C-alpha atoms as a PDB file:
ATOM      1  CA  ASN A   1     110.025  71.816  78.846  1.00  0.00           C
ATOM      2  CA  SER A   2     112.649  69.333  79.932  1.00  0.00           C
ATOM      3  CA  GLU A   3     113.136  65.660  79.190  1.00  0.00           C
ATOM      4  CA  LYS A   4     114.132  65.195  82.835  1.00  0.00           C
ATOM      5  CA  SER A   5     111.842  65.748  85.795  1.00  0.00           C
ATOM      6  CA  VAL A   6     112.019  69.268  87.161  1.00  0.00           C
ATOM      7  CA  PHE A   7     111.278  70.099  90.792  1.00  0.00           C
ATOM      8  CA  ALA A   8     111.007  73.570  92.287  1.00  0.00           C
ATOM      9  CA  PHE A   9     111.139  74.809  95.846  1.00  0.00           C
ATOM     10  CA  ILE A  10     109.853  78.225  96.833  1.00  0.00           C
ATOM     11  CA  ARG A  11     111.812  79.016  99.956  1.00  0.00           C
ATOM     12  CA  THR A  12     110.160  82.359 100.684  1.00  0.00           C
ATOM     13  CA  THR A  13     108.932  84.109  97.546  1.00  0.00           C
ATOM     14  CA  GLY A  14     107.945  82.767  94.139  1.00  0.00           C
ATOM     15  CA  VAL A  15     105.968  85.569  92.585  1.00  0.00           C
ATOM     16  CA  SER A  16     105.440  87.244  89.236  1.00  0.00           C
ATOM     17  CA  SER A  17     108.110  86.322  86.669  1.00  0.00           C
ATOM     18  CA  SER A  18     109.868  83.944  89.080  1.00  0.00           C
ATOM     19  CA  TYR A  19     106.595  82.041  89.535  1.00  0.00           C
ATOM     20  CA  LEU A  20     106.057  81.999  85.767  1.00  0.00           C
ATOM     21  CA  ALA A  21     109.568  80.571  85.331  1.00  0.00           C
ATOM     22  CA  ILE A  22     108.903  77.633  87.672  1.00  0.00           C
ATOM     23  CA  SER A  23     105.240  77.059  86.862  1.00  0.00           C
ATOM     24  CA  SER A  24     106.088  74.308  84.384  1.00  0.00           C
ATOM     25  CA  ALA A  25     108.003  72.255  86.989  1.00  0.00           C
ATOM     26  CA  ASP A  26     106.732  68.723  87.504  1.00  0.00           C
ATOM     27  CA  LYS A  27     106.363  69.360  91.221  1.00  0.00           C
ATOM     28  CA  ILE A  28     106.499  72.596  93.167  1.00  0.00           C
ATOM     29  CA  PHE A  29     107.098  72.702  96.919  1.00  0.00           C
ATOM     30  CA  ALA A  30     106.530  75.740  99.134  1.00  0.00           C
ATOM     31  CA  SER A  31     106.077  76.370 102.839  1.00  0.00           C
ATOM     32  CA  LYS A  32     102.712  77.428 104.183  1.00  0.00           C
ATOM     33  CA  TYR A  33     104.248  80.885 104.641  1.00  0.00           C
ATOM     34  CA  SER A  34     105.704  81.167 101.137  1.00  0.00           C
ATOM     35  CA  GLU A  35     104.431  83.930  98.893  1.00  0.00           C
ATOM     36  CA  VAL A  36     103.245  82.480  95.584  1.00  0.00           C
ATOM     37  CA  GLY A  37     101.672  83.806  92.404  1.00  0.00           C
ATOM     38  CA  SER A  38     101.272  87.540  91.990  1.00  0.00           C
ATOM     39  CA  ILE A  39      99.972  86.770  88.517  1.00  0.00           C
ATOM     40  CA  GLY A  40      99.910  90.112  86.779  1.00  0.00           C
ATOM     41  CA  VAL A  41     102.080  92.415  84.728  1.00  0.00           C
ATOM     42  CA  THR A  42     103.465  95.816  85.460  1.00  0.00           C
ATOM     43  CA  MET A  43     105.562  98.072  83.315  1.00  0.00           C
ATOM     44  CA  SER A  44     107.119 101.104  84.907  1.00  0.00           C
ATOM     45  CA  PHE A  45     109.561 103.754  83.879  1.00  0.00           C
ATOM     46  CA  PHE A  46     111.040 107.000  85.102  1.00  0.00           C
ATOM     47  CA  THR A  47     110.401 110.346  83.540  1.00  0.00           C
ATOM     48  CA  SER A  48     112.783 113.294  83.711  1.00  0.00           C
ATOM     49  CA  VAL A  49     110.780 115.624  81.494  1.00  0.00           C
ATOM     50  CA  GLU A  50     109.595 118.051  84.215  1.00  0.00           C
ATOM     51  CA  LYS A  51     112.930 117.991  86.062  1.00  0.00           C
ATOM     52  CA  ASN A  52     114.829 118.758  82.879  1.00  0.00           C
ATOM     53  CA  GLN A  53     112.448 121.604  82.036  1.00  0.00           C
ATOM     54  CA  LYS A  54     112.873 123.120  85.527  1.00  0.00           C
ATOM     55  CA  GLU A  55     116.645 122.909  85.251  1.00  0.00           C
ATOM     56  CA  GLY A  56     116.624 124.422  81.782  1.00  0.00           C
ATOM     57  CA  TYR A  57     117.870 121.390  79.887  1.00  0.00           C
ATOM     58  CA  LYS A  58     116.892 121.028  76.299  1.00  0.00           C
ATOM     59  CA  TYR A  59     117.095 117.365  75.423  1.00  0.00           C
ATOM     60  CA  GLU A  60     116.654 116.135  71.905  1.00  0.00           C
ATOM     61  CA  GLU A  61     116.411 112.571  70.758  1.00  0.00           C
ATOM     62  CA  LEU A  62     115.939 111.393  67.197  1.00  0.00           C
ATOM     63  CA  SER A  63     114.495 108.036  66.312  1.00  0.00           C
ATOM     64  CA  SER A  64     113.387 106.050  63.320  1.00  0.00           C
ATOM     65  CA  GLY A  65     109.861 105.213  64.429  1.00  0.00           C
ATOM     66  CA  VAL A  66     106.964 106.983  66.061  1.00  0.00           C
ATOM     67  CA  PHE A  67     106.998 104.591  69.042  1.00  0.00           C
ATOM     68  CA  LYS A  68     110.750 103.985  69.316  1.00  0.00           C
ATOM     69  CA  GLU A  69     111.030 106.477  72.180  1.00  0.00           C
ATOM     70  CA  VAL A  70     107.713 105.612  73.819  1.00  0.00           C
ATOM     71  CA  LEU A  71     109.328 104.943  77.221  1.00  0.00           C
ATOM     72  CA  SER A  72     112.138 107.470  76.997  1.00  0.00           C
ATOM     73  CA  PRO A  73     112.529 109.206  80.366  1.00  0.00           C
ATOM     74  CA  ASN A  74     113.175 112.448  78.524  1.00  0.00           C
ATOM     75  CA  LYS A  75     109.991 112.540  76.492  1.00  0.00           C
ATOM     76  CA  PRO A  76     106.418 112.896  77.741  1.00  0.00           C
ATOM     77  CA  LEU A  77     104.292 109.799  77.320  1.00  0.00           C
ATOM     78  CA  THR A  78     101.693 110.507  74.653  1.00  0.00           C
ATOM     79  CA  SER A  79      98.184 109.075  74.760  1.00  0.00           C
ATOM     80  CA  ALA A  80      99.032 106.922  71.721  1.00  0.00           C
ATOM     81  CA  GLY A  81     102.186 105.704  73.480  1.00  0.00           C
ATOM     82  CA  ARG A  82     100.238 104.982  76.668  1.00  0.00           C
ATOM     83  CA  SER A  83      97.693 102.973  74.651  1.00  0.00           C
ATOM     84  CA  LEU A  84     100.468 100.970  72.990  1.00  0.00           C
ATOM     85  CA  VAL A  85     102.203 100.182  76.294  1.00  0.00           C
ATOM     86  CA  LEU A  86      98.904  99.252  77.957  1.00  0.00           C
ATOM     87  CA  GLN A  87      98.094  96.966  75.013  1.00  0.00           C
ATOM     88  CA  GLN A  88     101.467  95.238  75.499  1.00  0.00           C
ATOM     89  CA  VAL A  89     100.905  94.915  79.256  1.00  0.00           C
ATOM     90  CA  ASN A  90      97.492  93.361  78.634  1.00  0.00           C
ATOM     91  CA  THR A  91      98.917  90.953  76.038  1.00  0.00           C
ATOM     92  CA  MET A  92     101.659  89.862  78.463  1.00  0.00           C
ATOM     93  CA  TYR A  93      99.025  89.443  81.192  1.00  0.00           C
ATOM     94  CA  GLN A  94      96.838  87.218  78.988  1.00  0.00           C
ATOM     95  CA  ASN A  95      99.922  85.174  78.034  1.00  0.00           C
ATOM     96  CA  PHE A  96     100.871  84.846  81.718  1.00  0.00           C
ATOM     97  CA  ILE A  97      97.386  83.533  82.579  1.00  0.00           C
ATOM     98  CA  LYS A  98      97.457  81.119  79.632  1.00  0.00           C
ATOM     99  CA  ASP A  99     100.920  79.815  80.534  1.00  0.00           C
ATOM    100  CA  VAL A 100      99.989  79.223  84.183  1.00  0.00           C
ATOM    101  CA  SER A 101      96.791  77.502  83.076  1.00  0.00           C
ATOM    102  CA  GLU A 102      98.679  75.181  80.729  1.00  0.00           C
ATOM    103  CA  ASN A 103     101.725  74.630  82.963  1.00  0.00           C
ATOM    104  CA  ARG A 104      99.704  73.832  86.072  1.00  0.00           C
ATOM    105  CA  ASN A 105      96.759  72.179  84.312  1.00  0.00           C
ATOM    106  CA  ILE A 106      94.259  74.614  85.836  1.00  0.00           C
ATOM    107  CA  PRO A 107      91.272  75.747  83.765  1.00  0.00           C
ATOM    108  CA  ILE A 108      91.965  79.230  82.399  1.00  0.00           C
ATOM    109  CA  GLU A 109      88.719  80.612  83.851  1.00  0.00           C
ATOM    110  CA  LYS A 110      89.851  79.490  87.310  1.00  0.00           C
ATOM    111  CA  VAL A 111      93.266  81.147  86.868  1.00  0.00           C
ATOM    112  CA  LYS A 112      91.567  84.403  85.821  1.00  0.00           C
ATOM    113  CA  ILE A 113      89.738  84.489  89.163  1.00  0.00           C
ATOM    114  CA  PHE A 114      92.934  84.768  91.222  1.00  0.00           C
ATOM    115  CA  ALA A 115      95.196  86.423  88.620  1.00  0.00           C
ATOM    116  CA  ASP A 116      94.819  89.847  90.181  1.00  0.00           C
ATOM    117  CA  GLY A 117      98.466  90.482  91.017  1.00  0.00           C
ATOM    118  CA  SER A 118      98.082  89.532  94.674  1.00  0.00           C
ATOM    119  CA  ILE A 119     100.323  87.095  96.484  1.00  0.00           C
ATOM    120  CA  ILE A 120      98.868  83.828  97.716  1.00  0.00           C
ATOM    121  CA  LEU A 121     100.277  82.064 100.756  1.00  0.00           C
ATOM    122  CA  GLY A 122     101.406  78.452 100.464  1.00  0.00           C
ATOM    123  CA  GLU A 123      98.364  76.550 101.743  1.00  0.00           C
ATOM    124  CA  LYS A 124      95.941  78.530  99.582  1.00  0.00           C
ATOM    125  CA  ALA A 125      98.343  78.219  96.622  1.00  0.00           C
ATOM    126  CA  LYS A 126      98.234  74.437  97.056  1.00  0.00           C
ATOM    127  CA  GLU A 127      94.437  74.502  97.225  1.00  0.00           C
ATOM    128  CA  LEU A 128      94.367  76.482  93.958  1.00  0.00           C
ATOM    129  CA  GLY A 129      96.865  74.163  92.231  1.00  0.00           C
ATOM    130  CA  LEU A 130      99.687  76.695  91.968  1.00  0.00           C
ATOM    131  CA  ILE A 131     101.970  74.405  93.991  1.00  0.00           C
ATOM    132  CA  ASP A 132     101.872  70.690  94.702  1.00  0.00           C
ATOM    133  CA  GLU A 133     103.277  70.194  98.183  1.00  0.00           C
ATOM    134  CA  ILE A 134     103.591  72.106 101.431  1.00  0.00           C
ATOM    135  CA  GLY A 135     107.048  71.658 102.866  1.00  0.00           C
ATOM    136  CA  GLY A 136     110.483  72.979 103.478  1.00  0.00           C
ATOM    137  CA  ILE A 137     113.894  71.850 102.371  1.00  0.00           C
ATOM    138  CA  LYS A 138     113.726  68.629 104.456  1.00  0.00           C
ATOM    139  CA  GLU A 139     110.511  67.588 102.716  1.00  0.00           C
ATOM    140  CA  VAL A 140     112.067  68.351  99.342  1.00  0.00           C
ATOM    141  CA  GLU A 141     115.183  66.319 100.216  1.00  0.00           C
ATOM    142  CA  ASN A 142     113.040  63.400 101.449  1.00  0.00           C
ATOM    143  CA  TYR A 143     110.940  63.490  98.279  1.00  0.00           C
ATOM    144  CA  LEU A 144     113.978  63.571  96.000  1.00  0.00           C
ATOM    145  CA  GLU A 145     115.660  60.775  97.928  1.00  0.00           C
ATOM    146  CA  GLY A 146     112.486  58.713  97.629  1.00  0.00           C
ATOM    147  CA  GLN A 147     112.356  59.339  93.878  1.00  0.00           C
ATOM    148  CA  SER A 148     116.022  58.658  93.146  1.00  0.00           C
ATOM    149  CA  GLY A 149     117.064  56.307  95.926  1.00  0.00           C
ATOM    150  CA  GLU A 150     120.024  58.590  96.608  1.00  0.00           C
ATOM    151  CA  LYS A 151     120.575  61.366  99.108  1.00  0.00           C
ATOM    152  CA  PRO A 152     120.318  64.618  97.141  1.00  0.00           C
ATOM    153  CA  ASN A 153     123.087  67.195  97.282  1.00  0.00           C
ATOM    154  CA  ILE A 154     121.395  70.552  97.726  1.00  0.00           C
ATOM    155  CA  CYS A 155     123.453  73.713  97.447  1.00  0.00           C
ATOM    156  CA  TRP A 156     122.247  77.272  97.997  1.00  0.00           C
ATOM    157  CA  GLU A 157     123.858  79.959  95.929  1.00  0.00           C
END
């Protein structure tokens, strides 16, 4: 949270962790074509176990805890490891839903309805409360100028 007003503009895509990062802004703008939301969590990793076996590599890794190597690409994922990772994914997902609910002042039960990982286009996102205004950079500039009385200096980097 900031002591100053925070405004966000989704030029094309504001999904997943980028949406979470801006969800606490005081006002969020997006075009009607912007992709918004994608409220969900994914955790992915590569595995080299079969490739290494085919090529005759013997890889050894030592660790201090039973789950320290849970996502090592050189070790098979055990059922206990899979359960642990899935538990973490589900915890992050529940936290994501809770944060969006609190940041956007949307009842948590309503957020759960559309928190299926899908993207939501701008107009529907506004209807759901995920953004506040439909508009492009000109609308954002006009809004900021109206709020501050000064022409804003927008830079894209």
